[in-house]
Amino acid sequence: MNKSELIDAIASTASLSKADATKALDAVISSVGEALKKGDTVTLVGFGTFSVKERAARTGRNPKTGAAIQIAASKVPGFKAGKGLKDIVA
């Protein structure tokens, strides 16, 4: 399912127009992104938790030349599925 298919599903399930469903989805994505940018976690009970994870600096290899390269430390978004989502998938 891509974004436009998700918008169609939201519109039909919630009896919204596609424009309103698009605004709602964009607002959710933006709000989650802003919260993660501040370092907060976003917990949706029954669905899962979005959080920021620290990735340590490490040494990697250039696959073309085999030369060692330094990969800087970074912050990456993470998601942990909640029990409700796991039960739906299982």
N, C-alpha and C. Protein backbone atom coordinates (compact mmCIF):
# COMPACT_ATOMS: atom_id res chain seq x y z
N MET A 1 0.86 -1.17 0.00
CA MET A 1 0.00 0.00 0.00
C MET A 1 0.90 1.23 0.00
N ASN A 2 0.64 2.15 -0.91
CA ASN A 2 1.39 3.40 -0.94
C ASN A 2 0.53 4.51 -0.33
N LYS A 3 1.06 5.73 -0.34
CA LYS A 3 0.38 6.84 0.33
C LYS A 3 -0.99 7.11 -0.27
N SER A 4 -1.12 7.10 -1.59
CA SER A 4 -2.42 7.40 -2.20
C SER A 4 -3.44 6.31 -1.90
N GLU A 5 -3.00 5.08 -1.84
CA GLU A 5 -3.91 3.98 -1.47
C GLU A 5 -4.33 4.11 0.00
N LEU A 6 -3.41 4.54 0.86
CA LEU A 6 -3.74 4.76 2.27
C LEU A 6 -4.74 5.90 2.41
N ILE A 7 -4.57 6.95 1.64
CA ILE A 7 -5.51 8.08 1.66
C ILE A 7 -6.89 7.62 1.23
N ASP A 8 -6.97 6.80 0.19
CA ASP A 8 -8.26 6.26 -0.26
C ASP A 8 -8.91 5.43 0.84
N ALA A 9 -8.12 4.61 1.53
CA ALA A 9 -8.65 3.77 2.61
C ALA A 9 -9.15 4.62 3.78
N ILE A 10 -8.40 5.65 4.14
CA ILE A 10 -8.81 6.54 5.23
C ILE A 10 -10.10 7.26 4.84
N ALA A 11 -10.17 7.75 3.61
CA ALA A 11 -11.35 8.48 3.15
C ALA A 11 -12.60 7.61 3.20
N SER A 12 -12.48 6.37 2.75
CA SER A 12 -13.66 5.50 2.74
C SER A 12 -14.03 5.03 4.14
N THR A 13 -13.04 4.73 4.98
CA THR A 13 -13.33 4.23 6.33
C THR A 13 -13.91 5.32 7.22
N ALA A 14 -13.38 6.54 7.12
CA ALA A 14 -13.81 7.63 8.00
C ALA A 14 -14.86 8.55 7.36
N SER A 15 -15.35 8.18 6.19
CA SER A 15 -16.33 8.99 5.47
C SER A 15 -15.85 10.43 5.29
N LEU A 16 -14.61 10.57 4.82
CA LEU A 16 -14.02 11.87 4.55
C LEU A 16 -13.79 12.01 3.05
N SER A 17 -13.64 13.26 2.62
CA SER A 17 -13.23 13.47 1.23
C SER A 17 -11.75 13.12 1.13
N LYS A 18 -11.29 12.88 -0.09
CA LYS A 18 -9.87 12.57 -0.27
C LYS A 18 -9.00 13.74 0.17
N ALA A 19 -9.46 14.95 -0.06
CA ALA A 19 -8.69 16.13 0.35
C ALA A 19 -8.55 16.19 1.87
N ASP A 20 -9.65 15.91 2.59
CA ASP A 20 -9.58 15.92 4.05
C ASP A 20 -8.72 14.77 4.57
N ALA A 21 -8.82 13.61 3.94
CA ALA A 21 -8.00 12.47 4.35
C ALA A 21 -6.52 12.76 4.11
N THR A 22 -6.22 13.44 3.01
CA THR A 22 -4.83 13.83 2.72
C THR A 22 -4.31 14.79 3.77
N LYS A 23 -5.12 15.78 4.14
CA LYS A 23 -4.72 16.74 5.17
C LYS A 23 -4.50 16.03 6.51
N ALA A 24 -5.38 15.10 6.85
CA ALA A 24 -5.26 14.38 8.12
C ALA A 24 -3.99 13.53 8.15
N LEU A 25 -3.73 12.80 7.09
CA LEU A 25 -2.53 11.96 7.03
C LEU A 25 -1.27 12.81 7.07
N ASP A 26 -1.25 13.89 6.31
CA ASP A 26 -0.09 14.78 6.31
C ASP A 26 0.14 15.38 7.69
N ALA A 27 -0.95 15.71 8.40
CA ALA A 27 -0.83 16.28 9.74
C ALA A 27 -0.25 15.26 10.71
N VAL A 28 -0.67 14.01 10.61
CA VAL A 28 -0.15 12.96 11.48
C VAL A 28 1.34 12.74 11.22
N ILE A 29 1.71 12.63 9.96
CA ILE A 29 3.11 12.41 9.61
C ILE A 29 3.97 13.58 10.07
N SER A 30 3.50 14.79 9.86
CA SER A 30 4.23 15.99 10.27
C SER A 30 4.37 16.05 11.79
N SER A 31 3.30 15.75 12.50
CA SER A 31 3.34 15.80 13.97
C SER A 31 4.29 14.77 14.55
N VAL A 32 4.29 13.57 14.00
CA VAL A 32 5.21 12.52 14.46
C VAL A 32 6.65 12.96 14.18
N GLY A 33 6.90 13.50 12.99
CA GLY A 33 8.23 13.96 12.64
C GLY A 33 8.73 15.06 13.56
N GLU A 34 7.87 16.03 13.86
CA GLU A 34 8.26 17.13 14.75
C GLU A 34 8.55 16.62 16.15
N ALA A 35 7.74 15.69 16.65
CA ALA A 35 7.98 15.14 17.99
C ALA A 35 9.31 14.40 18.03
N LEU A 36 9.60 13.62 17.00
CA LEU A 36 10.87 12.90 16.96
C LEU A 36 12.04 13.87 16.85
N LYS A 37 11.87 14.95 16.12
CA LYS A 37 12.92 15.96 15.97
C LYS A 37 13.27 16.56 17.32
N LYS A 38 12.27 16.72 18.20
CA LYS A 38 12.50 17.25 19.55
C LYS A 38 13.09 16.20 20.48
N GLY A 39 13.13 14.94 20.05
CA GLY A 39 13.65 13.87 20.89
C GLY A 39 12.58 13.13 21.67
N ASP A 40 11.32 13.46 21.44
CA ASP A 40 10.21 12.79 22.13
C ASP A 40 9.93 11.44 21.48
N THR A 41 9.17 10.61 22.19
CA THR A 41 8.66 9.39 21.59
C THR A 41 7.17 9.58 21.36
N VAL A 42 6.64 8.89 20.38
CA VAL A 42 5.21 8.95 20.07
C VAL A 42 4.66 7.54 20.24
N THR A 43 3.75 7.39 21.20
CA THR A 43 3.18 6.08 21.48
C THR A 43 1.71 6.07 21.09
N LEU A 44 1.35 5.16 20.21
CA LEU A 44 -0.04 4.96 19.81
C LEU A 44 -0.42 3.58 20.35
N VAL A 45 -1.17 3.58 21.45
CA VAL A 45 -1.50 2.34 22.14
C VAL A 45 -2.21 1.39 21.18
N GLY A 46 -1.72 0.17 21.12
CA GLY A 46 -2.28 -0.84 20.24
C GLY A 46 -1.66 -0.84 18.85
N PHE A 47 -0.93 0.22 18.51
CA PHE A 47 -0.29 0.28 17.20
C PHE A 47 1.22 0.16 17.33
N GLY A 48 1.83 1.07 18.09
CA GLY A 48 3.27 0.99 18.27
C GLY A 48 3.86 2.29 18.77
N THR A 49 5.19 2.30 18.86
CA THR A 49 5.92 3.45 19.38
C THR A 49 6.99 3.89 18.40
N PHE A 50 6.98 5.17 18.09
CA PHE A 50 8.01 5.78 17.27
C PHE A 50 9.02 6.43 18.22
N SER A 51 10.30 6.25 17.97
CA SER A 51 11.32 6.85 18.83
C SER A 51 12.57 7.15 18.01
N VAL A 52 13.48 7.91 18.63
CA VAL A 52 14.76 8.22 17.99
C VAL A 52 15.81 7.33 18.63
N LYS A 53 16.59 6.67 17.79
CA LYS A 53 17.65 5.78 18.28
C LYS A 53 19.00 6.36 17.89
N GLU A 54 19.97 6.17 18.77
CA GLU A 54 21.34 6.63 18.51
C GLU A 54 22.10 5.52 17.81
N ARG A 55 22.75 5.86 16.74
CA ARG A 55 23.59 4.90 16.03
C ARG A 55 25.04 5.34 16.24
N ALA A 56 25.86 4.48 16.81
CA ALA A 56 27.24 4.81 17.14
C ALA A 56 28.10 4.94 15.88
N ALA A 57 29.19 5.68 16.02
CA ALA A 57 30.15 5.78 14.92
C ALA A 57 30.79 4.41 14.72
N ARG A 58 31.13 4.12 13.48
CA ARG A 58 31.70 2.81 13.20
C ARG A 58 32.56 2.88 11.95
N THR A 59 33.31 1.83 11.74
CA THR A 59 34.14 1.73 10.55
C THR A 59 33.44 0.84 9.55
N GLY A 60 33.35 1.30 8.31
CA GLY A 60 32.74 0.52 7.24
C GLY A 60 33.74 0.28 6.13
N ARG A 61 33.30 -0.36 5.09
CA ARG A 61 34.15 -0.64 3.93
C ARG A 61 33.48 -0.14 2.67
N ASN A 62 34.28 0.49 1.80
CA ASN A 62 33.81 0.88 0.49
C ASN A 62 33.71 -0.41 -0.32
N PRO A 63 32.51 -0.80 -0.77
CA PRO A 63 32.37 -2.07 -1.48
C PRO A 63 33.14 -2.14 -2.80
N LYS A 64 33.38 -1.00 -3.40
CA LYS A 64 34.08 -0.99 -4.68
C LYS A 64 35.59 -1.18 -4.51
N THR A 65 36.16 -0.45 -3.54
CA THR A 65 37.62 -0.49 -3.39
C THR A 65 38.07 -1.33 -2.21
N GLY A 66 37.19 -1.59 -1.26
CA GLY A 66 37.57 -2.33 -0.06
C GLY A 66 38.25 -1.46 0.98
N ALA A 67 38.37 -0.16 0.72
CA ALA A 67 39.02 0.74 1.66
C ALA A 67 38.14 0.99 2.87
N ALA A 68 38.77 1.11 4.05
CA ALA A 68 38.04 1.38 5.28
C ALA A 68 37.60 2.85 5.27
N ILE A 69 36.37 3.09 5.72
CA ILE A 69 35.86 4.45 5.83
C ILE A 69 35.21 4.61 7.20
N GLN A 70 35.24 5.84 7.71
CA GLN A 70 34.59 6.13 8.98
C GLN A 70 33.16 6.56 8.72
N ILE A 71 32.23 5.95 9.42
CA ILE A 71 30.82 6.32 9.34
C ILE A 71 30.49 7.05 10.64
N ALA A 72 30.03 8.28 10.52
CA ALA A 72 29.78 9.12 11.69
C ALA A 72 28.58 8.61 12.49
N ALA A 73 28.54 8.97 13.77
CA ALA A 73 27.39 8.66 14.62
C ALA A 73 26.18 9.42 14.08
N SER A 74 25.00 8.85 14.27
CA SER A 74 23.80 9.52 13.77
C SER A 74 22.59 9.13 14.60
N LYS A 75 21.52 9.86 14.41
CA LYS A 75 20.24 9.55 15.03
C LYS A 75 19.32 9.05 13.93
N VAL A 76 18.62 7.96 14.19
CA VAL A 76 17.72 7.39 13.20
C VAL A 76 16.35 7.14 13.83
N PRO A 77 15.29 7.30 13.06
CA PRO A 77 13.96 7.00 13.60
C PRO A 77 13.78 5.50 13.74
N GLY A 78 13.05 5.10 14.77
CA GLY A 78 12.78 3.69 14.99
C GLY A 78 11.31 3.48 15.26
N PHE A 79 10.86 2.27 15.05
CA PHE A 79 9.46 1.93 15.31
C PHE A 79 9.40 0.56 15.95
N LYS A 80 8.65 0.44 17.02
CA LYS A 80 8.44 -0.85 17.68
C LYS A 80 6.93 -1.12 17.65
N ALA A 81 6.55 -2.20 17.02
CA ALA A 81 5.14 -2.55 16.89
C ALA A 81 4.55 -2.90 18.24
N GLY A 82 3.30 -2.46 18.45
CA GLY A 82 2.59 -2.77 19.68
C GLY A 82 1.86 -4.10 19.57
N LYS A 83 1.34 -4.56 20.68
CA LYS A 83 0.67 -5.86 20.74
C LYS A 83 -0.51 -5.94 19.79
N GLY A 84 -1.30 -4.89 19.69
CA GLY A 84 -2.46 -4.90 18.81
C GLY A 84 -2.08 -5.10 17.36
N LEU A 85 -1.04 -4.41 16.90
CA LEU A 85 -0.57 -4.55 15.53
C LEU A 85 0.02 -5.94 15.30
N LYS A 86 0.76 -6.44 16.28
CA LYS A 86 1.34 -7.78 16.15
C LYS A 86 0.23 -8.84 16.05
N ASP A 87 -0.84 -8.66 16.83
CA ASP A 87 -1.95 -9.61 16.79
C ASP A 87 -2.67 -9.58 15.44
N ILE A 88 -2.80 -8.40 14.85
CA ILE A 88 -3.47 -8.28 13.55
C ILE A 88 -2.66 -9.00 12.48
N VAL A 89 -1.34 -8.84 12.52
CA VAL A 89 -0.46 -9.41 11.50
C VAL A 89 -0.36 -10.93 11.66
N ALA A 90 -0.34 -11.40 12.89
CA ALA A 90 -0.13 -12.82 13.14
C ALA A 90 -1.27 -13.70 12.71
